N, C-alpha and C. Protein backbone atom coordinates (compact mmCIF):
# COMPACT_ATOMS: atom_id res chain seq x y z
N UNK A 1 36.45 -16.80 -12.08
CA UNK A 1 37.47 -16.31 -11.09
C UNK A 1 38.79 -17.15 -11.20
N UNK A 2 38.70 -18.46 -11.37
CA UNK A 2 39.92 -19.30 -11.48
C UNK A 2 40.68 -18.89 -12.71
N UNK A 3 39.98 -18.70 -13.78
CA UNK A 3 40.67 -18.29 -15.00
C UNK A 3 41.46 -17.00 -14.76
N UNK A 4 40.81 -15.96 -14.12
CA UNK A 4 41.53 -14.78 -13.93
C UNK A 4 42.75 -14.90 -13.05
N UNK A 5 42.73 -15.84 -12.18
CA UNK A 5 43.89 -16.16 -11.30
C UNK A 5 45.03 -16.73 -12.03
N UNK A 6 44.64 -17.71 -12.84
CA UNK A 6 45.79 -18.27 -13.71
C UNK A 6 46.34 -17.25 -14.67
N UNK A 7 45.48 -16.36 -15.26
CA UNK A 7 46.07 -15.35 -16.17
C UNK A 7 46.93 -14.48 -15.41
N UNK A 8 46.71 -14.15 -14.26
CA UNK A 8 47.64 -13.20 -13.39
C UNK A 8 48.82 -14.01 -13.12
N UNK A 9 48.86 -15.27 -12.85
CA UNK A 9 50.00 -16.10 -12.49
C UNK A 9 50.90 -16.06 -13.76
N UNK A 10 50.35 -16.19 -14.96
CA UNK A 10 51.11 -16.25 -16.25
C UNK A 10 51.73 -14.86 -16.42
N UNK A 11 51.07 -13.78 -16.09
CA UNK A 11 51.73 -12.43 -16.24
C UNK A 11 52.82 -12.30 -15.45
N UNK A 12 52.69 -12.68 -14.05
CA UNK A 12 53.78 -12.72 -13.11
C UNK A 12 55.09 -13.41 -13.47
N UNK A 13 54.69 -14.55 -14.17
CA UNK A 13 55.81 -15.43 -14.51
C UNK A 13 56.50 -14.90 -15.76
N UNK A 14 55.98 -13.87 -16.44
CA UNK A 14 56.65 -13.25 -17.52
C UNK A 14 56.48 -14.13 -18.84
N UNK A 15 55.63 -15.13 -18.76
CA UNK A 15 55.33 -15.95 -20.02
C UNK A 15 56.55 -16.87 -20.27
N UNK A 16 57.56 -17.07 -19.34
CA UNK A 16 58.62 -17.83 -19.64
C UNK A 16 58.39 -19.32 -19.38
N UNK A 17 57.64 -19.59 -18.30
CA UNK A 17 57.53 -21.07 -17.89
C UNK A 17 56.04 -21.14 -17.40
N UNK A 18 55.35 -22.12 -17.95
CA UNK A 18 53.90 -22.30 -17.57
C UNK A 18 53.95 -23.33 -16.55
N UNK A 19 53.74 -22.96 -15.21
CA UNK A 19 53.84 -23.94 -14.14
C UNK A 19 52.48 -23.86 -13.37
N UNK A 20 52.02 -25.04 -12.95
CA UNK A 20 50.82 -24.89 -12.12
C UNK A 20 51.12 -24.46 -10.66
N UNK A 21 50.30 -23.60 -10.15
CA UNK A 21 50.53 -23.06 -8.82
C UNK A 21 50.53 -24.20 -7.83
N UNK A 22 51.43 -24.14 -6.83
CA UNK A 22 51.45 -25.19 -5.69
C UNK A 22 50.36 -24.93 -4.71
N UNK A 23 50.01 -26.04 -4.04
CA UNK A 23 48.93 -26.01 -3.08
C UNK A 23 49.70 -25.53 -1.82
N UNK A 24 49.12 -24.52 -1.17
CA UNK A 24 49.61 -24.12 0.12
C UNK A 24 49.25 -25.04 1.23
N UNK A 25 50.12 -25.13 2.21
CA UNK A 25 49.89 -26.07 3.32
C UNK A 25 48.99 -25.29 4.26
N UNK A 26 47.78 -25.92 4.49
CA UNK A 26 46.86 -25.28 5.44
C UNK A 26 45.95 -26.38 5.99
N UNK A 27 46.64 -27.36 6.67
CA UNK A 27 45.97 -28.56 7.17
C UNK A 27 44.79 -28.34 8.07
N UNK A 28 44.94 -27.30 8.87
CA UNK A 28 43.91 -26.97 9.94
C UNK A 28 42.93 -25.98 9.47
N UNK A 29 42.99 -25.43 8.20
CA UNK A 29 42.12 -24.37 7.67
C UNK A 29 40.63 -25.25 7.52
N UNK A 30 39.71 -24.59 7.97
CA UNK A 30 38.40 -25.13 8.08
C UNK A 30 37.22 -24.15 7.93
N UNK A 31 36.11 -24.57 7.34
CA UNK A 31 34.88 -23.78 7.34
C UNK A 31 34.07 -23.98 8.73
N UNK A 32 33.52 -23.03 9.29
CA UNK A 32 32.79 -23.03 10.47
C UNK A 32 31.53 -22.28 10.33
N UNK A 33 30.42 -22.85 10.87
CA UNK A 33 29.19 -22.02 10.69
C UNK A 33 28.74 -21.58 12.09
N UNK A 34 27.83 -20.62 12.11
CA UNK A 34 27.45 -20.01 13.46
C UNK A 34 26.65 -21.01 14.31
N UNK A 35 26.10 -21.91 13.65
CA UNK A 35 25.31 -23.04 14.38
C UNK A 35 25.27 -24.23 13.59
N UNK A 36 25.11 -25.38 14.20
CA UNK A 36 25.06 -26.69 13.50
C UNK A 36 23.47 -27.04 13.30
N UNK A 37 22.73 -26.28 13.97
CA UNK A 37 21.21 -26.71 13.91
C UNK A 37 20.54 -25.42 13.58
N UNK A 38 19.93 -25.21 12.41
CA UNK A 38 19.26 -24.19 11.88
C UNK A 38 17.72 -24.49 12.07
N UNK A 39 16.98 -23.62 12.84
CA UNK A 39 15.57 -23.84 13.06
C UNK A 39 14.87 -22.70 12.21
N UNK A 40 14.10 -23.21 11.29
CA UNK A 40 13.38 -22.36 10.37
C UNK A 40 11.92 -22.04 10.91
N UNK A 41 11.68 -20.79 11.18
CA UNK A 41 10.42 -20.39 11.67
C UNK A 41 9.86 -18.96 11.15
N UNK A 42 10.45 -18.57 10.00
CA UNK A 42 10.10 -17.40 9.21
C UNK A 42 10.47 -17.62 7.80
N UNK A 43 10.35 -16.59 7.07
CA UNK A 43 10.48 -16.73 5.55
C UNK A 43 11.94 -17.00 5.12
N UNK A 44 12.89 -16.55 5.78
CA UNK A 44 14.27 -17.04 5.62
C UNK A 44 15.07 -16.93 6.89
N UNK A 45 16.11 -17.58 6.90
CA UNK A 45 17.09 -17.61 8.06
C UNK A 45 18.56 -17.35 7.48
N UNK A 46 19.19 -16.48 8.28
CA UNK A 46 20.68 -16.20 7.89
C UNK A 46 21.52 -17.05 8.63
N UNK A 47 22.48 -17.63 8.06
CA UNK A 47 23.49 -18.52 8.59
C UNK A 47 24.92 -17.97 8.42
N UNK A 48 25.60 -17.46 9.36
CA UNK A 48 27.00 -17.04 9.21
C UNK A 48 27.96 -18.08 9.08
N UNK A 49 28.97 -17.84 8.27
CA UNK A 49 30.13 -18.74 8.11
C UNK A 49 31.37 -17.94 8.16
N UNK A 50 32.41 -18.74 8.52
CA UNK A 50 33.81 -18.09 8.54
C UNK A 50 34.81 -19.20 8.38
N UNK A 51 36.02 -18.80 8.08
CA UNK A 51 37.18 -19.79 8.03
C UNK A 51 37.91 -19.55 9.37
N UNK A 52 38.38 -20.75 9.86
CA UNK A 52 39.07 -20.82 11.01
C UNK A 52 40.50 -21.63 10.81
N UNK A 53 41.46 -21.35 11.65
CA UNK A 53 42.68 -22.08 11.51
C UNK A 53 43.91 -21.07 11.59
N UNK A 54 45.03 -21.62 11.87
CA UNK A 54 46.25 -20.81 12.11
C UNK A 54 46.68 -20.02 10.74
N UNK A 55 46.37 -20.53 9.55
CA UNK A 55 46.65 -19.95 8.26
C UNK A 55 45.63 -18.92 7.71
N UNK A 56 44.69 -18.58 8.60
CA UNK A 56 43.61 -17.55 8.08
C UNK A 56 44.29 -16.36 7.59
N UNK A 57 45.31 -15.81 8.25
CA UNK A 57 45.91 -14.55 7.93
C UNK A 57 46.49 -14.57 6.53
N UNK A 58 46.73 -15.75 5.98
CA UNK A 58 47.32 -15.81 4.64
C UNK A 58 46.28 -15.91 3.55
N UNK A 59 44.95 -15.97 3.93
CA UNK A 59 44.02 -16.08 2.95
C UNK A 59 43.69 -14.75 2.34
N UNK A 60 43.62 -14.72 0.91
CA UNK A 60 43.30 -13.49 0.22
C UNK A 60 41.70 -13.44 -0.20
N UNK A 61 41.33 -14.62 -0.66
CA UNK A 61 40.00 -14.86 -1.14
C UNK A 61 39.34 -16.24 -0.77
N UNK A 62 38.06 -16.14 -0.64
CA UNK A 62 37.41 -17.50 -0.34
C UNK A 62 35.89 -17.46 -0.84
N UNK A 63 35.48 -18.69 -1.36
CA UNK A 63 34.05 -18.79 -1.71
C UNK A 63 33.49 -19.84 -0.82
N UNK A 64 32.31 -19.90 -0.61
CA UNK A 64 31.52 -20.83 0.20
C UNK A 64 30.17 -21.23 -0.43
N UNK A 65 29.98 -22.57 -0.48
CA UNK A 65 28.76 -23.03 -0.99
C UNK A 65 28.08 -23.78 0.10
N UNK A 66 26.66 -23.65 0.13
CA UNK A 66 25.76 -24.34 0.91
C UNK A 66 24.99 -25.34 0.18
N UNK A 67 25.22 -26.55 0.35
CA UNK A 67 24.82 -27.62 -0.57
C UNK A 67 24.05 -28.74 0.20
N UNK A 68 22.82 -29.22 -0.22
CA UNK A 68 22.21 -30.26 0.34
C UNK A 68 22.88 -31.63 -0.02
N UNK A 69 23.17 -32.26 1.22
CA UNK A 69 23.95 -33.39 0.95
C UNK A 69 23.49 -34.58 0.07
N UNK A 70 22.11 -34.90 0.28
CA UNK A 70 21.49 -36.01 -0.42
C UNK A 70 21.31 -35.74 -1.83
N UNK A 71 20.91 -34.52 -2.22
CA UNK A 71 20.47 -34.16 -3.64
C UNK A 71 21.50 -33.31 -4.39
N UNK A 72 22.56 -32.80 -3.61
CA UNK A 72 23.66 -31.93 -4.27
C UNK A 72 23.04 -30.58 -4.72
N UNK A 73 21.84 -30.21 -4.37
CA UNK A 73 21.23 -28.99 -4.65
C UNK A 73 21.81 -27.93 -3.87
N UNK A 74 22.23 -26.68 -4.51
CA UNK A 74 22.78 -25.59 -3.95
C UNK A 74 21.79 -24.62 -3.44
N UNK A 75 21.77 -24.33 -2.02
CA UNK A 75 20.80 -23.37 -1.57
C UNK A 75 21.31 -21.98 -1.59
N UNK A 76 22.62 -21.85 -1.40
CA UNK A 76 23.21 -20.37 -1.49
C UNK A 76 24.68 -20.48 -1.68
N UNK A 77 25.18 -19.34 -2.23
CA UNK A 77 26.70 -19.26 -2.51
C UNK A 77 27.13 -17.93 -2.06
N UNK A 78 28.31 -17.80 -1.52
CA UNK A 78 28.94 -16.56 -0.95
C UNK A 78 30.35 -16.39 -1.36
N UNK A 79 30.95 -15.25 -1.29
CA UNK A 79 32.29 -14.92 -1.71
C UNK A 79 32.85 -13.80 -0.91
N UNK A 80 34.16 -13.94 -0.49
CA UNK A 80 34.76 -12.90 0.24
C UNK A 80 36.16 -12.67 -0.32
N UNK A 81 36.69 -11.55 -0.38
CA UNK A 81 38.07 -11.21 -0.95
C UNK A 81 38.70 -10.12 -0.25
N UNK A 82 39.95 -9.75 -0.64
CA UNK A 82 40.75 -8.77 0.05
C UNK A 82 41.04 -9.17 1.52
N UNK A 83 41.24 -10.40 1.79
CA UNK A 83 41.57 -10.85 3.11
C UNK A 83 40.30 -11.11 4.05
N UNK A 84 39.17 -10.77 3.49
CA UNK A 84 37.94 -11.15 4.31
C UNK A 84 37.70 -12.71 4.31
N UNK A 85 37.32 -13.25 5.39
CA UNK A 85 37.08 -14.71 5.39
C UNK A 85 35.93 -15.11 6.11
N UNK A 86 34.84 -14.28 5.98
CA UNK A 86 33.49 -14.71 6.48
C UNK A 86 32.40 -14.20 5.64
N UNK A 87 31.21 -14.58 5.93
CA UNK A 87 30.11 -14.19 5.13
C UNK A 87 28.76 -14.74 5.69
N UNK A 88 27.67 -14.70 4.95
CA UNK A 88 26.36 -15.07 5.43
C UNK A 88 25.55 -15.80 4.27
N UNK A 89 25.10 -16.98 4.64
CA UNK A 89 24.12 -17.54 3.74
C UNK A 89 22.81 -17.25 3.98
N UNK A 90 21.87 -17.23 3.11
CA UNK A 90 20.38 -17.05 3.39
C UNK A 90 19.59 -18.31 2.95
N UNK A 91 18.93 -18.91 3.76
CA UNK A 91 18.25 -20.15 3.59
C UNK A 91 16.79 -19.70 3.53
N UNK A 92 16.11 -19.94 2.55
CA UNK A 92 14.68 -19.66 2.45
C UNK A 92 13.74 -20.80 2.89
N UNK A 93 12.49 -20.49 3.37
CA UNK A 93 11.61 -21.58 3.95
C UNK A 93 11.10 -22.50 2.86
N UNK A 94 11.25 -22.17 1.58
CA UNK A 94 10.93 -23.11 0.45
C UNK A 94 12.06 -24.00 -0.02
N UNK A 95 13.24 -23.80 0.53
CA UNK A 95 14.40 -24.69 0.08
C UNK A 95 14.25 -26.07 0.88
N UNK A 96 15.04 -26.95 0.44
CA UNK A 96 14.88 -28.32 0.85
C UNK A 96 15.55 -28.41 2.32
N UNK A 97 14.85 -29.15 3.25
CA UNK A 97 15.35 -29.34 4.56
C UNK A 97 16.24 -30.62 4.54
N UNK A 98 17.14 -30.67 5.57
CA UNK A 98 17.96 -31.81 5.79
C UNK A 98 19.53 -31.46 6.09
N UNK A 99 20.33 -32.29 5.76
CA UNK A 99 21.73 -31.98 6.19
C UNK A 99 22.47 -31.38 4.98
N UNK A 100 23.19 -30.30 5.31
CA UNK A 100 23.88 -29.50 4.40
C UNK A 100 25.39 -29.58 4.68
N UNK A 101 26.21 -29.48 3.56
CA UNK A 101 27.63 -29.26 3.70
C UNK A 101 28.04 -27.82 3.21
N UNK A 102 29.09 -27.36 3.77
CA UNK A 102 29.55 -26.04 3.48
C UNK A 102 31.13 -26.28 3.05
N UNK A 103 31.29 -25.90 1.86
CA UNK A 103 32.63 -26.07 1.30
C UNK A 103 33.01 -24.98 0.28
N UNK A 104 34.13 -24.99 -0.18
CA UNK A 104 34.54 -24.08 -1.26
C UNK A 104 36.09 -23.93 -1.62
N UNK A 105 36.43 -22.87 -2.30
CA UNK A 105 37.78 -22.77 -2.71
C UNK A 105 38.38 -21.56 -2.00
N UNK A 106 39.67 -21.69 -1.58
CA UNK A 106 40.35 -20.73 -0.82
C UNK A 106 41.79 -20.35 -1.46
N UNK A 107 42.17 -19.08 -1.67
CA UNK A 107 43.43 -18.79 -2.27
C UNK A 107 44.20 -17.86 -1.34
N UNK A 108 45.51 -17.99 -1.41
CA UNK A 108 46.35 -17.04 -0.67
C UNK A 108 46.68 -15.84 -1.45
N UNK A 109 47.58 -15.01 -0.96
CA UNK A 109 47.92 -13.74 -1.60
C UNK A 109 48.80 -13.97 -2.87
N UNK A 110 49.38 -15.25 -2.95
CA UNK A 110 50.13 -15.60 -4.12
C UNK A 110 49.43 -16.26 -5.16
N UNK A 111 48.12 -16.35 -5.06
CA UNK A 111 47.22 -17.09 -5.90
C UNK A 111 47.34 -18.65 -5.85
N UNK A 112 47.87 -19.09 -4.74
CA UNK A 112 48.01 -20.64 -4.61
C UNK A 112 46.65 -20.99 -3.94
N UNK A 113 46.16 -22.11 -4.39
CA UNK A 113 44.96 -22.61 -3.80
C UNK A 113 45.31 -23.32 -2.40
N UNK A 114 44.51 -23.02 -1.49
CA UNK A 114 44.66 -23.59 -0.08
C UNK A 114 43.55 -24.64 0.27
N UNK A 115 44.00 -25.66 0.85
CA UNK A 115 42.95 -26.63 1.29
C UNK A 115 42.20 -26.25 2.47
N UNK A 116 40.93 -26.42 2.51
CA UNK A 116 40.06 -26.16 3.76
C UNK A 116 39.02 -27.26 3.91
N UNK A 117 38.92 -27.71 5.10
CA UNK A 117 38.00 -28.82 5.44
C UNK A 117 36.59 -28.23 5.48
N UNK A 118 35.58 -29.07 4.86
CA UNK A 118 34.16 -28.62 4.80
C UNK A 118 33.63 -29.00 6.17
N UNK A 119 32.32 -28.52 6.41
CA UNK A 119 31.63 -28.79 7.58
C UNK A 119 30.20 -29.01 7.26
N UNK A 120 29.41 -29.44 8.24
CA UNK A 120 28.07 -29.88 8.01
C UNK A 120 27.12 -29.27 8.99
N UNK A 121 25.93 -29.02 8.65
CA UNK A 121 24.80 -28.63 9.53
C UNK A 121 23.51 -29.12 9.13
N UNK A 122 22.45 -28.97 9.88
CA UNK A 122 21.25 -29.62 9.69
C UNK A 122 20.29 -28.40 9.77
N UNK A 123 19.29 -28.40 8.81
CA UNK A 123 18.31 -27.32 8.71
C UNK A 123 16.86 -28.09 8.63
N UNK A 124 16.12 -27.73 9.55
CA UNK A 124 14.77 -28.21 9.64
C UNK A 124 13.78 -27.07 10.09
N UNK A 125 12.47 -27.38 9.92
CA UNK A 125 11.42 -26.54 10.35
C UNK A 125 11.16 -26.59 11.82
N UNK A 126 10.73 -25.57 12.45
CA UNK A 126 10.37 -25.46 13.81
C UNK A 126 9.01 -26.14 14.13
N UNK A 127 8.82 -26.67 15.31
CA UNK A 127 7.59 -27.09 15.81
C UNK A 127 7.22 -26.44 17.10
N UNK A 128 5.92 -26.50 17.40
CA UNK A 128 5.43 -25.92 18.65
C UNK A 128 4.16 -26.63 19.15
N UNK A 129 3.95 -26.73 20.38
CA UNK A 129 2.84 -27.43 20.99
C UNK A 129 2.47 -26.94 22.39
N UNK A 130 1.85 -25.68 22.36
CA UNK A 130 1.39 -25.07 23.61
C UNK A 130 0.49 -25.95 24.46
N UNK A 131 0.65 -25.97 25.84
CA UNK A 131 -0.13 -27.00 26.68
C UNK A 131 -1.10 -26.17 27.46
N UNK A 132 -2.21 -26.79 27.64
CA UNK A 132 -3.29 -26.26 28.61
C UNK A 132 -3.63 -27.53 29.36
N UNK A 133 -3.99 -27.13 30.76
CA UNK A 133 -4.37 -28.17 31.63
C UNK A 133 -5.45 -27.67 32.48
N UNK A 134 -6.55 -28.66 32.67
CA UNK A 134 -7.70 -28.25 33.40
C UNK A 134 -7.96 -29.31 34.45
N UNK A 135 -8.50 -28.99 35.52
CA UNK A 135 -8.74 -29.96 36.66
C UNK A 135 -10.22 -30.02 36.90
N UNK A 136 -10.72 -31.19 37.17
CA UNK A 136 -12.13 -31.50 37.63
C UNK A 136 -12.05 -32.55 38.79
N UNK A 137 -12.04 -31.99 39.97
CA UNK A 137 -11.79 -32.89 41.15
C UNK A 137 -10.48 -33.50 41.19
N UNK A 138 -10.51 -34.72 41.22
CA UNK A 138 -9.08 -35.45 41.39
C UNK A 138 -8.60 -35.78 39.91
N UNK A 139 -9.31 -35.36 38.81
CA UNK A 139 -8.83 -35.66 37.54
C UNK A 139 -8.24 -34.37 36.87
N UNK A 140 -7.18 -34.68 35.99
CA UNK A 140 -6.52 -33.55 35.32
C UNK A 140 -6.63 -33.97 33.75
N UNK A 141 -6.90 -33.04 32.93
CA UNK A 141 -6.87 -33.24 31.46
C UNK A 141 -5.87 -32.29 30.85
N UNK A 142 -4.87 -32.82 30.15
CA UNK A 142 -3.94 -32.01 29.38
C UNK A 142 -4.38 -32.11 27.88
N UNK A 143 -4.11 -30.86 27.31
CA UNK A 143 -4.51 -30.80 25.84
C UNK A 143 -3.50 -29.96 25.14
N UNK A 144 -3.15 -30.23 23.86
CA UNK A 144 -2.31 -29.45 23.05
C UNK A 144 -2.70 -29.48 21.61
N UNK A 145 -2.27 -28.44 20.88
CA UNK A 145 -2.48 -28.49 19.37
C UNK A 145 -1.02 -28.35 18.82
N UNK A 146 -0.55 -29.37 18.15
CA UNK A 146 0.81 -29.48 17.69
C UNK A 146 0.89 -29.10 16.33
N UNK A 147 1.86 -28.00 16.01
CA UNK A 147 1.96 -27.44 14.65
C UNK A 147 3.40 -27.53 14.36
N UNK A 148 3.67 -27.39 12.99
CA UNK A 148 5.00 -27.24 12.31
C UNK A 148 5.05 -25.99 11.48
N UNK A 149 6.22 -25.28 11.38
CA UNK A 149 6.28 -24.23 10.48
C UNK A 149 6.33 -24.66 9.06
N UNK A 150 5.44 -24.17 8.07
CA UNK A 150 5.36 -24.67 6.74
C UNK A 150 5.77 -23.68 5.76
N UNK A 151 5.58 -22.43 6.04
CA UNK A 151 5.96 -21.45 5.02
C UNK A 151 4.89 -21.05 3.92
N UNK A 152 3.91 -21.80 3.98
CA UNK A 152 2.80 -21.60 2.97
C UNK A 152 1.79 -20.69 3.64
N UNK A 153 0.54 -21.11 3.30
CA UNK A 153 -0.64 -20.36 4.00
C UNK A 153 -1.63 -21.45 4.61
N UNK A 154 -1.80 -21.43 5.86
CA UNK A 154 -1.14 -20.61 6.80
C UNK A 154 0.30 -21.02 7.11
N UNK A 155 1.14 -20.15 7.71
CA UNK A 155 2.55 -20.56 7.86
C UNK A 155 2.66 -21.59 8.87
N UNK A 156 1.83 -21.80 9.80
CA UNK A 156 1.94 -22.98 10.67
C UNK A 156 0.83 -23.94 10.48
N UNK A 157 1.13 -25.22 10.10
CA UNK A 157 0.24 -26.14 9.84
C UNK A 157 0.21 -27.29 10.89
N UNK A 158 -0.95 -28.03 11.04
CA UNK A 158 -0.91 -29.14 12.06
C UNK A 158 0.16 -30.18 11.65
N UNK A 159 0.86 -30.63 12.77
CA UNK A 159 2.03 -31.49 12.47
C UNK A 159 1.52 -33.01 12.59
N UNK A 160 0.80 -33.34 11.50
CA UNK A 160 0.18 -34.65 11.55
C UNK A 160 1.33 -35.82 11.56
N UNK A 161 0.92 -36.80 12.38
CA UNK A 161 1.80 -37.95 12.67
C UNK A 161 3.00 -37.74 13.42
N UNK A 162 3.11 -36.57 13.96
CA UNK A 162 4.22 -36.28 15.01
C UNK A 162 3.87 -36.92 16.32
N UNK A 163 4.86 -37.40 17.05
CA UNK A 163 4.71 -38.11 18.26
C UNK A 163 4.90 -37.14 19.41
N UNK A 164 3.99 -36.97 20.31
CA UNK A 164 4.01 -36.14 21.50
C UNK A 164 3.90 -36.87 22.76
N UNK A 165 4.66 -36.44 23.80
CA UNK A 165 4.55 -37.05 25.07
C UNK A 165 4.22 -36.21 26.17
N UNK A 166 3.18 -36.53 26.88
CA UNK A 166 2.77 -35.67 28.05
C UNK A 166 3.57 -36.09 29.23
N UNK A 167 4.21 -35.16 29.94
CA UNK A 167 5.07 -35.45 30.95
C UNK A 167 4.80 -34.74 32.25
N UNK A 168 5.18 -35.48 33.29
CA UNK A 168 4.98 -34.93 34.65
C UNK A 168 6.35 -34.69 35.47
N UNK A 169 6.58 -33.69 36.01
CA UNK A 169 7.80 -33.37 36.63
C UNK A 169 7.84 -34.21 38.03
N UNK A 170 8.89 -34.89 38.29
CA UNK A 170 9.06 -35.66 39.47
C UNK A 170 10.39 -35.29 40.12
N UNK A 171 10.71 -35.89 41.24
CA UNK A 171 12.00 -35.67 41.84
C UNK A 171 13.22 -36.15 41.04
N UNK A 172 12.96 -37.12 40.16
CA UNK A 172 13.97 -37.64 39.31
C UNK A 172 14.02 -37.07 37.87
N UNK A 173 13.20 -36.06 37.66
CA UNK A 173 13.21 -35.39 36.33
C UNK A 173 11.78 -35.45 35.79
N UNK A 174 11.72 -35.63 34.44
CA UNK A 174 10.44 -35.72 33.78
C UNK A 174 9.98 -37.12 33.30
N UNK A 175 8.71 -37.47 33.73
CA UNK A 175 8.21 -38.82 33.45
C UNK A 175 7.06 -38.67 32.50
N UNK A 176 7.21 -39.53 31.52
CA UNK A 176 6.23 -39.62 30.44
C UNK A 176 4.94 -40.33 30.91
N UNK A 177 3.77 -39.66 30.93
CA UNK A 177 2.54 -40.22 31.41
C UNK A 177 1.58 -40.63 30.38
N UNK A 178 1.90 -40.10 29.17
CA UNK A 178 1.06 -40.50 28.02
C UNK A 178 1.73 -40.23 26.63
N UNK A 179 1.67 -41.03 25.67
CA UNK A 179 2.25 -40.80 24.32
C UNK A 179 1.13 -40.92 23.28
N UNK A 180 1.14 -39.91 22.42
CA UNK A 180 0.06 -39.78 21.45
C UNK A 180 0.71 -39.44 19.97
N UNK A 181 -0.04 -39.97 18.97
CA UNK A 181 0.34 -39.55 17.59
C UNK A 181 -0.55 -38.56 17.15
N UNK A 182 -0.11 -37.50 16.62
CA UNK A 182 -0.90 -36.23 16.24
C UNK A 182 -1.78 -36.56 15.11
N UNK A 183 -3.21 -36.47 15.21
CA UNK A 183 -4.06 -36.62 14.06
C UNK A 183 -4.07 -35.45 13.09
N UNK A 184 -4.98 -35.53 12.15
CA UNK A 184 -5.05 -34.44 11.10
C UNK A 184 -5.32 -33.14 11.62
N UNK A 185 -6.16 -33.04 12.64
CA UNK A 185 -6.51 -31.81 13.23
C UNK A 185 -5.53 -31.26 14.27
N UNK A 186 -4.50 -31.99 14.55
CA UNK A 186 -3.39 -31.46 15.34
C UNK A 186 -3.60 -31.58 16.87
N UNK A 187 -4.76 -31.95 17.34
CA UNK A 187 -5.11 -31.98 18.65
C UNK A 187 -4.97 -33.34 19.38
N UNK A 188 -4.23 -33.35 20.53
CA UNK A 188 -4.09 -34.59 21.39
C UNK A 188 -4.41 -34.24 22.73
N UNK A 189 -4.80 -35.14 23.55
CA UNK A 189 -5.15 -34.82 24.95
C UNK A 189 -4.85 -36.17 25.90
N UNK A 190 -4.72 -35.97 27.13
CA UNK A 190 -4.68 -37.11 27.99
C UNK A 190 -5.32 -36.71 29.32
N UNK A 191 -6.13 -37.69 29.85
CA UNK A 191 -6.87 -37.41 31.12
C UNK A 191 -6.57 -38.60 32.04
N UNK A 192 -6.32 -38.13 33.30
CA UNK A 192 -5.97 -39.19 34.35
C UNK A 192 -6.21 -38.69 35.67
N UNK A 193 -6.25 -39.43 36.61
CA UNK A 193 -6.49 -39.29 38.06
C UNK A 193 -5.22 -38.72 38.67
N UNK A 194 -5.20 -37.58 39.29
CA UNK A 194 -4.00 -37.02 40.08
C UNK A 194 -4.57 -36.00 41.06
N UNK A 195 -4.94 -36.56 42.23
CA UNK A 195 -5.53 -35.56 43.26
C UNK A 195 -4.57 -34.38 43.66
N UNK A 196 -3.33 -34.70 43.75
CA UNK A 196 -2.39 -33.73 44.22
C UNK A 196 -1.86 -32.84 43.05
N UNK A 197 -1.59 -31.56 43.18
CA UNK A 197 -1.12 -30.68 42.09
C UNK A 197 0.22 -31.23 41.73
N UNK A 198 0.47 -31.03 40.29
CA UNK A 198 1.74 -31.31 39.80
C UNK A 198 2.05 -30.43 38.56
N UNK A 199 3.30 -30.49 38.13
CA UNK A 199 3.74 -29.77 36.99
C UNK A 199 3.89 -30.58 35.71
N UNK A 200 3.33 -30.05 34.64
CA UNK A 200 3.18 -30.78 33.35
C UNK A 200 3.91 -30.04 32.21
N UNK A 201 4.24 -30.73 31.21
CA UNK A 201 4.78 -30.33 29.93
C UNK A 201 4.50 -31.20 28.90
N UNK A 202 4.54 -30.88 27.52
CA UNK A 202 4.45 -31.78 26.45
C UNK A 202 5.65 -31.62 25.54
N UNK A 203 6.17 -32.70 25.09
CA UNK A 203 7.40 -32.78 24.28
C UNK A 203 7.07 -33.46 22.89
N UNK A 204 7.53 -32.62 21.91
CA UNK A 204 7.33 -33.01 20.47
C UNK A 204 8.64 -33.80 19.94
N UNK A 205 8.43 -35.07 19.41
CA UNK A 205 9.57 -35.72 18.96
C UNK A 205 10.09 -35.19 17.69
N UNK A 206 11.47 -35.25 17.47
CA UNK A 206 11.99 -34.82 16.23
C UNK A 206 11.59 -35.61 15.05
N UNK A 207 11.38 -35.01 13.84
CA UNK A 207 10.87 -35.80 12.71
C UNK A 207 11.98 -35.63 11.62
N UNK A 208 11.69 -36.11 10.35
CA UNK A 208 12.83 -35.97 9.33
C UNK A 208 13.00 -34.61 8.89
N UNK A 209 11.94 -33.74 8.90
CA UNK A 209 11.97 -32.41 8.42
C UNK A 209 11.69 -31.33 9.44
N UNK A 210 11.39 -31.82 10.66
CA UNK A 210 10.96 -30.85 11.78
C UNK A 210 11.76 -31.22 13.02
N UNK A 211 12.04 -30.08 13.67
CA UNK A 211 12.82 -30.32 14.99
C UNK A 211 11.86 -30.49 15.96
N UNK A 212 12.43 -31.17 17.08
CA UNK A 212 11.78 -31.48 18.37
C UNK A 212 11.45 -30.16 19.10
N UNK A 213 10.53 -30.05 19.97
CA UNK A 213 10.29 -29.01 20.86
C UNK A 213 9.58 -29.42 22.14
N UNK A 214 9.72 -28.46 23.09
CA UNK A 214 8.97 -28.79 24.39
C UNK A 214 7.99 -27.51 24.55
N UNK A 215 6.96 -27.68 25.26
CA UNK A 215 6.19 -26.59 25.68
C UNK A 215 6.54 -25.93 26.92
N UNK A 216 5.94 -24.88 27.31
CA UNK A 216 6.17 -24.35 28.66
C UNK A 216 5.54 -25.23 29.69
N UNK A 217 5.81 -25.02 30.93
CA UNK A 217 5.18 -25.87 32.00
C UNK A 217 3.89 -25.27 32.53
N UNK A 218 3.03 -26.18 32.92
CA UNK A 218 1.67 -25.84 33.55
C UNK A 218 1.55 -26.57 34.78
N UNK A 219 1.13 -25.94 35.90
CA UNK A 219 0.85 -26.67 37.18
C UNK A 219 -0.68 -26.70 37.45
N UNK A 220 -1.22 -28.01 37.61
CA UNK A 220 -2.55 -28.18 38.05
C UNK A 220 -2.65 -29.29 39.15
């Protein structure tokens, strides 16, 4: 594409003088994504992107690359032309999780390259941990099975080594009453004495490749 642009510039110049095209001033031109936090819980996720800034109206064409920051692996590439300045990336569940940068090349209608600031976003798998609560007299037992989206078979697998917190709602907010590390079978529980009814939930801590989550509330 860049070679084609340079050829057009040469034709417009009539072959008299070979001059490098100047860089257009676009200090506030920047890439923007529809979210900074992509939660993967199905085979693929669509991530919309667009250019923003006062000079957007001058843009003729733009490409955008979704690249993993740590490894420089490209997850997807997109291109827009004829004044369009937006598009969509597709991230598959077998791609690498982590922090990504979005960057690319932008040209105006005179085939001058315009500078555009990159942006970053984080992509991780979803987690879930539905809570059940049972009562026996003055004692309450909380139990949950914590899973993470995997994309293989089964799609949701036990979230081994995740940290979960069983919490009770109080006048000051949520208080942690037990902390557990998830074993291989995914199941954790907490039993304690609580004669009066109360509202409970379980919270899953964020991990390197998995987002945090909270269960719905249960009253016992």
